C-alpha cells in the first residue's frame, strides 16, 4: 500500500505507520522522508522553479534598465522628436542631391508597412474564412440530420462528428481524412453529408428516431424545410446578412 505524503489527522494514518509522520504547523501530519531532494520528481520541480526564478529576475532587471533609460520621457514628445528628426534627415538628403536615396528609403518603408498590413488582413481573412466554413458545414449537417431522422438530443453529437470529417473545398462540403478525400460508395465521388449520416445509422442507431432515417420522419423533415430560405455557399454577401438565421436553421445553405 502506497503511503500518502500528508494526512489531515493522526487518526487517518495507517496503523503501525504513525512513527513515519510528524505534525506540521497547520495541524496535519506529514511523511518524513530522508533524501527527498534526490527524488527525480523533486529534482525536476526544483530545476523548473530555479529557472522561473532566474527568468523573472532577468525580466525585472531588463524592465529596470528600460525605465532608467526612458525616465520621465513623454511618449507623444518622443514620437514628435522622431518625426522631426526624420524630416530633418530627409531635408538634408534633398539639399545634398541624394534624392534617389531618399526615394529608395521611402519606398522600402512603404513596402514594409504594406506587407505588415497585408499580413494582418490575411490573418483576419483566414479567421473569417474558418468561421464561415464552420457555419456552412454546421448548417448542412443539421439540415440533412433533420431530414434523416436524427434525434434532436443527438443533433449536437452528429454535428460535432461531421465537423471533424468535412471541409469546404471549392464551395462544396468534402469528406477529408488528413489531406485525403473520402469517397462515397461509388468509389469516384467524394462522400456527401447525407451519405455519411446514412452510414453512421447502423453503427449508432441510438442517434436516430425509431422510425429510421429514410422513412416518414425523413419526409416530414423535407416538408418542414420546404419553405426555408436557401442561400448558395458562393453568396458571401448573403451570409453576412443571414448568419443568425443560418445558425438557427431558418436559412439553409446550398453547396451547389
C-alpha atoms as a PDB file:
ATOM      1  CA  UNK A   1       0.000   0.000   0.000  1.00  0.00           C
ATOM      2  CA  UNK A   2       1.375   3.402  -1.002  1.00  0.00           C
ATOM      3  CA  UNK A   3       1.696   5.936   1.796  1.00  0.00           C
ATOM      4  CA  UNK A   4       0.254   9.405   1.425  1.00  0.00           C
ATOM      5  CA  UNK A   5       2.515  12.383   1.871  1.00  0.00           C
ATOM      6  CA  UNK A   6       0.052  14.126   4.169  1.00  0.00           C
ATOM      7  CA  UNK A   7      -2.894  13.201   6.387  1.00  0.00           C
ATOM      8  CA  UNK A   8      -5.284  15.688   7.912  1.00  0.00           C
ATOM      9  CA  UNK A   9      -5.470  13.893  11.255  1.00  0.00           C
ATOM     10  CA  UNK A  10      -3.205  11.469  13.062  1.00  0.00           C
ATOM     11  CA  UNK A  11      -6.091   9.012  13.287  1.00  0.00           C
ATOM     12  CA  UNK A  12      -6.104   8.752   9.471  1.00  0.00           C
ATOM     13  CA  UNK A  13      -2.557   7.392   9.358  1.00  0.00           C
ATOM     14  CA  UNK A  14      -2.491   3.608   8.672  1.00  0.00           C
ATOM     15  CA  UNK A  15      -1.907   1.562  11.796  1.00  0.00           C
ATOM     16  CA  UNK A  16       1.726   0.920  12.520  1.00  0.00           C
ATOM     17  CA  UNK A  17       2.911   3.805  10.328  1.00  0.00           C
ATOM     18  CA  UNK A  18       2.491   6.632  12.822  1.00  0.00           C
ATOM     19  CA  UNK A  19       6.235   6.867  13.516  1.00  0.00           C
ATOM     20  CA  UNK A  20       6.843   7.793   9.875  1.00  0.00           C
ATOM     21  CA  UNK A  21       4.891  11.035  10.202  1.00  0.00           C
ATOM     22  CA  UNK A  22       5.434  14.251  12.079  1.00  0.00           C
ATOM     23  CA  UNK A  23       2.976  17.010  12.863  1.00  0.00           C
ATOM     24  CA  UNK A  24       3.147  20.127  10.707  1.00  0.00           C
ATOM     25  CA  UNK A  25       2.405  23.706  11.796  1.00  0.00           C
ATOM     26  CA  UNK A  26      -1.094  23.553  10.315  1.00  0.00           C
ATOM     27  CA  UNK A  27      -2.029  20.501  12.387  1.00  0.00           C
ATOM     28  CA  UNK A  28      -1.704  17.968   9.552  1.00  0.00           C
ATOM     29  CA  UNK A  29       0.706  15.018   9.631  1.00  0.00           C
ATOM     30  CA  UNK A  30       3.473  14.888   7.005  1.00  0.00           C
ATOM     31  CA  UNK A  31       5.534  11.901   5.899  1.00  0.00           C
ATOM     32  CA  UNK A  32       9.197  12.245   6.865  1.00  0.00           C
ATOM     33  CA  UNK A  33      11.488  11.129   4.039  1.00  0.00           C
ATOM     34  CA  UNK A  34      15.277  11.129   4.053  1.00  0.00           C
ATOM     35  CA  UNK A  35      16.977  12.245   0.842  1.00  0.00           C
ATOM     36  CA  UNK A  36      13.763  13.669  -0.638  1.00  0.00           C
ATOM     37  CA  UNK A  37      15.815  16.197  -2.638  1.00  0.00           C
ATOM     38  CA  UNK A  38      17.340  13.312  -4.623  1.00  0.00           C
ATOM     39  CA  UNK A  39      13.927  12.135  -5.856  1.00  0.00           C
ATOM     40  CA  UNK A  40      13.697  12.631  -9.695  1.00  0.00           C
ATOM     41  CA  UNK A  41      10.343  14.356  -9.419  1.00  0.00           C
ATOM     42  CA  UNK A  42      11.589  16.764  -6.773  1.00  0.00           C
ATOM     43  CA  UNK A  43      14.711  17.494  -8.813  1.00  0.00           C
ATOM     44  CA  UNK A  44      12.587  18.337 -11.850  1.00  0.00           C
ATOM     45  CA  UNK A  45      10.384  20.665  -9.835  1.00  0.00           C
ATOM     46  CA  UNK A  46      13.367  22.381  -8.252  1.00  0.00           C
ATOM     47  CA  UNK A  47      15.032  22.853 -11.639  1.00  0.00           C
ATOM     48  CA  UNK A  48      11.856  24.358 -13.106  1.00  0.00           C
ATOM     49  CA  UNK A  49      11.442  26.613 -10.079  1.00  0.00           C
ATOM     50  CA  UNK A  50      15.025  27.846 -10.253  1.00  0.00           C
ATOM     51  CA  UNK A  51      14.694  28.545 -13.983  1.00  0.00           C
ATOM     52  CA  UNK A  52      11.483  30.504 -13.456  1.00  0.00           C
ATOM     53  CA  UNK A  53      13.087  32.464 -10.627  1.00  0.00           C
ATOM     54  CA  UNK A  54      16.093  33.300 -12.818  1.00  0.00           C
ATOM     55  CA  UNK A  55      13.888  34.308 -15.767  1.00  0.00           C
ATOM     56  CA  UNK A  56      11.764  36.500 -13.508  1.00  0.00           C
ATOM     57  CA  UNK A  57      14.876  38.200 -12.131  1.00  0.00           C
ATOM     58  CA  UNK A  58      16.207  38.835 -15.652  1.00  0.00           C
ATOM     59  CA  UNK A  59      12.872  40.310 -16.777  1.00  0.00           C
ATOM     60  CA  UNK A  60      12.786  42.588 -13.741  1.00  0.00           C
ATOM     61  CA  UNK A  61      16.340  43.771 -14.463  1.00  0.00           C
ATOM     62  CA  UNK A  62      15.518  44.485 -18.125  1.00  0.00           C
ATOM     63  CA  UNK A  63      12.443  46.439 -17.058  1.00  0.00           C
ATOM     64  CA  UNK A  64      14.509  48.433 -14.561  1.00  0.00           C
ATOM     65  CA  UNK A  65      17.122  49.298 -17.194  1.00  0.00           C
ATOM     66  CA  UNK A  66      14.387  50.332 -19.636  1.00  0.00           C
ATOM     67  CA  UNK A  67      12.745  52.532 -17.027  1.00  0.00           C
ATOM     68  CA  UNK A  68      16.124  54.112 -16.177  1.00  0.00           C
ATOM     69  CA  UNK A  69      16.731  54.811 -19.865  1.00  0.00           C
ATOM     70  CA  UNK A  70      13.293  56.261 -20.505  1.00  0.00           C
ATOM     71  CA  UNK A  71      12.893  58.116 -17.243  1.00  0.00           C
ATOM     72  CA  UNK A  72      10.062  60.646 -17.417  1.00  0.00           C
ATOM     73  CA  UNK A  73      10.018  60.628 -21.219  1.00  0.00           C
ATOM     74  CA  UNK A  74       6.704  61.751 -22.722  1.00  0.00           C
ATOM     75  CA  UNK A  75       5.717  59.308 -25.473  1.00  0.00           C
ATOM     76  CA  UNK A  76       3.965  61.945 -27.578  1.00  0.00           C
ATOM     77  CA  UNK A  77       7.002  64.210 -27.387  1.00  0.00           C
ATOM     78  CA  UNK A  78       9.223  61.259 -28.278  1.00  0.00           C
ATOM     79  CA  UNK A  79       7.111  60.484 -31.360  1.00  0.00           C
ATOM     80  CA  UNK A  80       7.252  64.133 -32.415  1.00  0.00           C
ATOM     81  CA  UNK A  81      11.012  64.211 -31.919  1.00  0.00           C
ATOM     82  CA  UNK A  82      11.441  61.095 -34.064  1.00  0.00           C
ATOM     83  CA  UNK A  83       9.238  62.582 -36.779  1.00  0.00           C
ATOM     84  CA  UNK A  84      11.122  65.888 -36.696  1.00  0.00           C
ATOM     85  CA  UNK A  85      14.435  64.039 -36.861  1.00  0.00           C
ATOM     86  CA  UNK A  86      13.264  62.068 -39.908  1.00  0.00           C
ATOM     87  CA  UNK A  87      12.061  65.265 -41.593  1.00  0.00           C
ATOM     88  CA  UNK A  88      15.405  66.964 -40.991  1.00  0.00           C
ATOM     89  CA  UNK A  89      17.273  63.973 -42.361  1.00  0.00           C
ATOM     90  CA  UNK A  90      15.129  63.915 -45.499  1.00  0.00           C
ATOM     91  CA  UNK A  91      15.669  67.652 -45.965  1.00  0.00           C
ATOM     92  CA  UNK A  92      19.418  67.125 -45.651  1.00  0.00           C
ATOM     93  CA  UNK A  93      19.373  64.365 -48.273  1.00  0.00           C
ATOM     94  CA  UNK A  94      17.487  66.632 -50.677  1.00  0.00           C
ATOM     95  CA  UNK A  95      19.921  69.513 -50.108  1.00  0.00           C
ATOM     96  CA  UNK A  96      22.810  67.134 -50.825  1.00  0.00           C
ATOM     97  CA  UNK A  97      21.168  65.984 -54.044  1.00  0.00           C
ATOM     98  CA  UNK A  98      20.599  62.437 -52.753  1.00  0.00           C
ATOM     99  CA  UNK A  99      17.009  62.264 -53.996  1.00  0.00           C
ATOM    100  CA  UNK A 100      17.386  58.711 -55.274  1.00  0.00           C
ATOM    101  CA  UNK A 101      18.500  57.534 -51.829  1.00  0.00           C
ATOM    102  CA  UNK A 102      15.565  59.314 -50.207  1.00  0.00           C
ATOM    103  CA  UNK A 103      13.117  57.750 -52.666  1.00  0.00           C
ATOM    104  CA  UNK A 104      14.631  54.310 -52.116  1.00  0.00           C
ATOM    105  CA  UNK A 105      14.294  54.651 -48.333  1.00  0.00           C
ATOM    106  CA  UNK A 106      10.707  55.871 -48.585  1.00  0.00           C
ATOM    107  CA  UNK A 107       9.843  53.031 -50.965  1.00  0.00           C
ATOM    108  CA  UNK A 108      11.378  50.460 -48.617  1.00  0.00           C
ATOM    109  CA  UNK A 109       9.424  51.878 -45.664  1.00  0.00           C
ATOM    110  CA  UNK A 110       6.168  51.931 -47.631  1.00  0.00           C
ATOM    111  CA  UNK A 111       6.767  48.343 -48.726  1.00  0.00           C
ATOM    112  CA  UNK A 112       7.415  47.235 -45.139  1.00  0.00           C
ATOM    113  CA  UNK A 113       4.241  48.996 -43.926  1.00  0.00           C
ATOM    114  CA  UNK A 114       2.232  47.482 -46.772  1.00  0.00           C
ATOM    115  CA  UNK A 115       3.484  43.956 -46.038  1.00  0.00           C
ATOM    116  CA  UNK A 116       2.573  44.339 -42.357  1.00  0.00           C
ATOM    117  CA  UNK A 117      -0.949  45.454 -43.260  1.00  0.00           C
ATOM    118  CA  UNK A 118      -1.362  42.612 -45.767  1.00  0.00           C
ATOM    119  CA  UNK A 119      -0.181  40.092 -43.168  1.00  0.00           C
ATOM    120  CA  UNK A 120      -2.714  41.472 -40.662  1.00  0.00           C
ATOM    121  CA  UNK A 121      -5.511  41.351 -43.248  1.00  0.00           C
ATOM    122  CA  UNK A 122      -4.554  37.787 -44.234  1.00  0.00           C
ATOM    123  CA  UNK A 123      -4.780  36.701 -40.607  1.00  0.00           C
ATOM    124  CA  UNK A 124      -8.226  38.295 -40.249  1.00  0.00           C
ATOM    125  CA  UNK A 125      -9.369  36.829 -43.568  1.00  0.00           C
ATOM    126  CA  UNK A 126      -8.248  33.332 -42.560  1.00  0.00           C
ATOM    127  CA  UNK A 127     -10.117  33.629 -39.276  1.00  0.00           C
ATOM    128  CA  UNK A 128     -13.266  34.862 -41.041  1.00  0.00           C
ATOM    129  CA  UNK A 129     -12.990  32.104 -43.648  1.00  0.00           C
ATOM    130  CA  UNK A 130     -12.657  29.492 -40.924  1.00  0.00           C
ATOM    131  CA  UNK A 131     -15.761  30.790 -39.156  1.00  0.00           C
ATOM    132  CA  UNK A 132     -17.703  30.828 -42.424  1.00  0.00           C
ATOM    133  CA  UNK A 133     -16.685  27.258 -43.282  1.00  0.00           C
ATOM    134  CA  UNK A 134     -17.610  26.157 -39.768  1.00  0.00           C
ATOM    135  CA  UNK A 135     -21.052  27.708 -40.215  1.00  0.00           C
ATOM    136  CA  UNK A 136     -21.519  26.225 -43.676  1.00  0.00           C
ATOM    137  CA  UNK A 137     -20.691  22.690 -42.543  1.00  0.00           C
ATOM    138  CA  UNK A 138     -22.845  23.005 -39.416  1.00  0.00           C
ATOM    139  CA  UNK A 139     -25.819  24.269 -41.422  1.00  0.00           C
ATOM    140  CA  UNK A 140     -25.585  21.432 -43.959  1.00  0.00           C
ATOM    141  CA  UNK A 141     -25.172  18.738 -41.321  1.00  0.00           C
ATOM    142  CA  UNK A 142     -28.137  19.963 -39.306  1.00  0.00           C
ATOM    143  CA  UNK A 143     -30.342  20.252 -42.398  1.00  0.00           C
ATOM    144  CA  UNK A 144     -29.589  16.670 -43.519  1.00  0.00           C
ATOM    145  CA  UNK A 145     -29.772  15.341 -39.971  1.00  0.00           C
ATOM    146  CA  UNK A 146     -33.287  16.729 -39.516  1.00  0.00           C
ATOM    147  CA  UNK A 147     -34.365  15.197 -42.806  1.00  0.00           C
ATOM    148  CA  UNK A 148     -32.892  11.779 -41.982  1.00  0.00           C
ATOM    149  CA  UNK A 149     -34.463  11.497 -38.541  1.00  0.00           C
ATOM    150  CA  UNK A 150     -31.609  12.296 -36.168  1.00  0.00           C
ATOM    151  CA  UNK A 151     -32.959  12.808 -32.675  1.00  0.00           C
ATOM    152  CA  UNK A 152     -32.975  16.472 -31.560  1.00  0.00           C
ATOM    153  CA  UNK A 153     -30.991  15.453 -28.480  1.00  0.00           C
ATOM    154  CA  UNK A 154     -28.347  13.842 -30.721  1.00  0.00           C
ATOM    155  CA  UNK A 155     -28.021  16.744 -33.145  1.00  0.00           C
ATOM    156  CA  UNK A 156     -25.026  18.239 -31.346  1.00  0.00           C
ATOM    157  CA  UNK A 157     -23.249  14.871 -31.306  1.00  0.00           C
ATOM    158  CA  UNK A 158     -23.798  14.302 -35.044  1.00  0.00           C
ATOM    159  CA  UNK A 159     -22.777  17.870 -35.861  1.00  0.00           C
ATOM    160  CA  UNK A 160     -19.535  17.509 -33.914  1.00  0.00           C
ATOM    161  CA  UNK A 161     -18.721  14.246 -35.690  1.00  0.00           C
ATOM    162  CA  UNK A 162     -19.409  15.808 -39.064  1.00  0.00           C
ATOM    163  CA  UNK A 163     -17.307  18.911 -38.454  1.00  0.00           C
ATOM    164  CA  UNK A 164     -14.341  16.655 -37.728  1.00  0.00           C
ATOM    165  CA  UNK A 165     -14.724  14.987 -41.133  1.00  0.00           C
ATOM    166  CA  UNK A 166     -15.977  17.598 -43.596  1.00  0.00           C
ATOM    167  CA  UNK A 167     -14.186  20.626 -45.028  1.00  0.00           C
ATOM    168  CA  UNK A 168     -15.192  23.215 -47.576  1.00  0.00           C
ATOM    169  CA  UNK A 169     -13.378  22.795 -50.908  1.00  0.00           C
ATOM    170  CA  UNK A 170     -14.360  24.992 -53.857  1.00  0.00           C
ATOM    171  CA  UNK A 171     -17.642  25.817 -52.167  1.00  0.00           C
ATOM    172  CA  UNK A 172     -18.516  22.162 -51.528  1.00  0.00           C
ATOM    173  CA  UNK A 173     -18.606  20.103 -48.332  1.00  0.00           C
ATOM    174  CA  UNK A 174     -15.989  17.383 -48.871  1.00  0.00           C
ATOM    175  CA  UNK A 175     -15.194  14.492 -46.537  1.00  0.00           C
ATOM    176  CA  UNK A 176     -11.470  14.567 -45.711  1.00  0.00           C
ATOM    177  CA  UNK A 177      -9.202  12.482 -43.501  1.00  0.00           C
ATOM    178  CA  UNK A 178      -5.969  14.415 -43.079  1.00  0.00           C
ATOM    179  CA  UNK A 179      -5.365  15.543 -46.686  1.00  0.00           C
ATOM    180  CA  UNK A 180      -7.050  12.566 -48.381  1.00  0.00           C
ATOM    181  CA  UNK A 181     -10.564  12.732 -49.821  1.00  0.00           C
ATOM    182  CA  UNK A 182     -13.034  10.150 -48.503  1.00  0.00           C
ATOM    183  CA  UNK A 183     -15.068   8.763 -51.398  1.00  0.00           C
ATOM    184  CA  UNK A 184     -18.634   7.531 -51.352  1.00  0.00           C
ATOM    185  CA  UNK A 185     -19.943   4.080 -52.174  1.00  0.00           C
ATOM    186  CA  UNK A 186     -19.451   4.630 -55.925  1.00  0.00           C
ATOM    187  CA  UNK A 187     -15.701   4.965 -55.344  1.00  0.00           C
ATOM    188  CA  UNK A 188     -15.349   8.067 -57.531  1.00  0.00           C
ATOM    189  CA  UNK A 189     -17.455  10.804 -55.916  1.00  0.00           C
ATOM    190  CA  UNK A 190     -16.461  12.369 -52.576  1.00  0.00           C
ATOM    191  CA  UNK A 191     -18.804  11.232 -49.818  1.00  0.00           C
ATOM    192  CA  UNK A 192     -21.573  13.721 -49.163  1.00  0.00           C
ATOM    193  CA  UNK A 193     -23.090  14.648 -45.825  1.00  0.00           C
ATOM    194  CA  UNK A 194     -26.321  12.761 -46.467  1.00  0.00           C
ATOM    195  CA  UNK A 195     -24.478   9.556 -47.378  1.00  0.00           C
ATOM    196  CA  UNK A 196     -22.266   9.920 -44.317  1.00  0.00           C
ATOM    197  CA  UNK A 197     -25.262  10.293 -41.993  1.00  0.00           C
ATOM    198  CA  UNK A 198     -26.906   7.218 -43.507  1.00  0.00           C
ATOM    199  CA  UNK A 199     -23.654   5.290 -42.985  1.00  0.00           C
ATOM    200  CA  UNK A 200     -23.456   6.076 -39.270  1.00  0.00           C
ATOM    201  CA  UNK A 201     -27.045   4.984 -38.584  1.00  0.00           C
ATOM    202  CA  UNK A 202     -26.277   1.221 -38.411  1.00  0.00           C
ATOM    203  CA  UNK A 203     -23.376   1.736 -36.016  1.00  0.00           C
ATOM    204  CA  UNK A 204     -25.130   4.379 -33.899  1.00  0.00           C
ATOM    205  CA  UNK A 205     -28.888   3.736 -34.069  1.00  0.00           C
ATOM    206  CA  UNK A 206     -29.390   5.489 -30.720  1.00  0.00           C
ATOM    207  CA  UNK A 207     -28.802   8.783 -32.515  1.00  0.00           C
ATOM    208  CA  UNK A 208     -31.907   8.327 -34.673  1.00  0.00           C
ATOM    209  CA  UNK A 209     -35.644   8.310 -34.132  1.00  0.00           C
ATOM    210  CA  UNK A 210     -37.205   4.799 -34.059  1.00  0.00           C
ATOM    211  CA  UNK A 211     -38.863   5.367 -37.442  1.00  0.00           C
ATOM    212  CA  UNK A 212     -35.444   5.454 -39.106  1.00  0.00           C
ATOM    213  CA  UNK A 213     -33.674   7.974 -41.257  1.00  0.00           C
ATOM    214  CA  UNK A 214     -35.234   7.322 -44.668  1.00  0.00           C
ATOM    215  CA  UNK A 215     -38.913   6.802 -43.821  1.00  0.00           C
ATOM    216  CA  UNK A 216     -41.763   9.011 -42.706  1.00  0.00           C
ATOM    217  CA  UNK A 217     -39.512  11.020 -40.442  1.00  0.00           C
ATOM    218  CA  UNK A 218     -37.325  11.984 -43.377  1.00  0.00           C
ATOM    219  CA  UNK A 219     -40.330  13.027 -45.467  1.00  0.00           C
ATOM    220  CA  UNK A 220     -41.631  15.100 -42.596  1.00  0.00           C
ATOM    221  CA  UNK A 221     -38.266  16.836 -42.277  1.00  0.00           C
ATOM    222  CA  UNK A 222     -38.299  17.590 -46.001  1.00  0.00           C
ATOM    223  CA  UNK A 223     -41.745  19.146 -45.790  1.00  0.00           C
ATOM    224  CA  UNK A 224     -40.719  21.238 -42.819  1.00  0.00           C
ATOM    225  CA  UNK A 225     -37.710  22.577 -44.704  1.00  0.00           C
ATOM    226  CA  UNK A 226     -39.556  23.157 -47.964  1.00  0.00           C
ATOM    227  CA  UNK A 227     -40.350  26.762 -47.163  1.00  0.00           C
ATOM    228  CA  UNK A 228     -36.945  27.624 -45.743  1.00  0.00           C
ATOM    229  CA  UNK A 229     -34.836  30.251 -47.459  1.00  0.00           C
ATOM    230  CA  UNK A 230     -31.798  28.851 -49.266  1.00  0.00           C
ATOM    231  CA  UNK A 231     -28.523  30.723 -49.752  1.00  0.00           C
ATOM    232  CA  UNK A 232     -25.774  29.475 -52.030  1.00  0.00           C
ATOM    233  CA  UNK A 233     -22.345  28.939 -50.478  1.00  0.00           C
ATOM    234  CA  UNK A 234     -20.859  31.384 -53.001  1.00  0.00           C
ATOM    235  CA  UNK A 235     -23.112  34.233 -51.836  1.00  0.00           C
ATOM    236  CA  UNK A 236     -20.818  35.833 -49.234  1.00  0.00           C
ATOM    237  CA  UNK A 237     -22.940  38.984 -49.011  1.00  0.00           C
ATOM    238  CA  UNK A 238     -25.991  36.871 -48.215  1.00  0.00           C
ATOM    239  CA  UNK A 239     -24.099  35.108 -45.457  1.00  0.00           C
ATOM    240  CA  UNK A 240     -23.170  38.383 -43.819  1.00  0.00           C
ATOM    241  CA  UNK A 241     -26.828  39.354 -43.570  1.00  0.00           C
ATOM    242  CA  UNK A 242     -28.146  35.931 -42.523  1.00  0.00           C
ATOM    243  CA  UNK A 243     -25.635  34.465 -40.071  1.00  0.00           C
ATOM    244  CA  UNK A 244     -28.090  34.263 -37.168  1.00  0.00           C
ATOM    245  CA  UNK A 245     -30.809  32.696 -39.339  1.00  0.00           C
ATOM    246  CA  UNK A 246     -28.325  30.134 -40.712  1.00  0.00           C
ATOM    247  CA  UNK A 247     -27.213  29.202 -37.213  1.00  0.00           C
ATOM    248  CA  UNK A 248     -30.836  28.817 -36.059  1.00  0.00           C
ATOM    249  CA  UNK A 249     -31.827  26.730 -39.094  1.00  0.00           C
ATOM    250  CA  UNK A 250     -34.215  29.297 -40.593  1.00  0.00           C
ATOM    251  CA  UNK A 251     -31.929  29.623 -43.612  1.00  0.00           C
ATOM    252  CA  UNK A 252     -30.319  26.668 -45.348  1.00  0.00           C
ATOM    253  CA  UNK A 253     -27.019  26.693 -47.233  1.00  0.00           C
ATOM    254  CA  UNK A 254     -26.617  25.147 -50.658  1.00  0.00           C
ATOM    255  CA  UNK A 255     -23.196  23.995 -51.812  1.00  0.00           C
ATOM    256  CA  UNK A 256     -24.323  23.609 -55.408  1.00  0.00           C
END
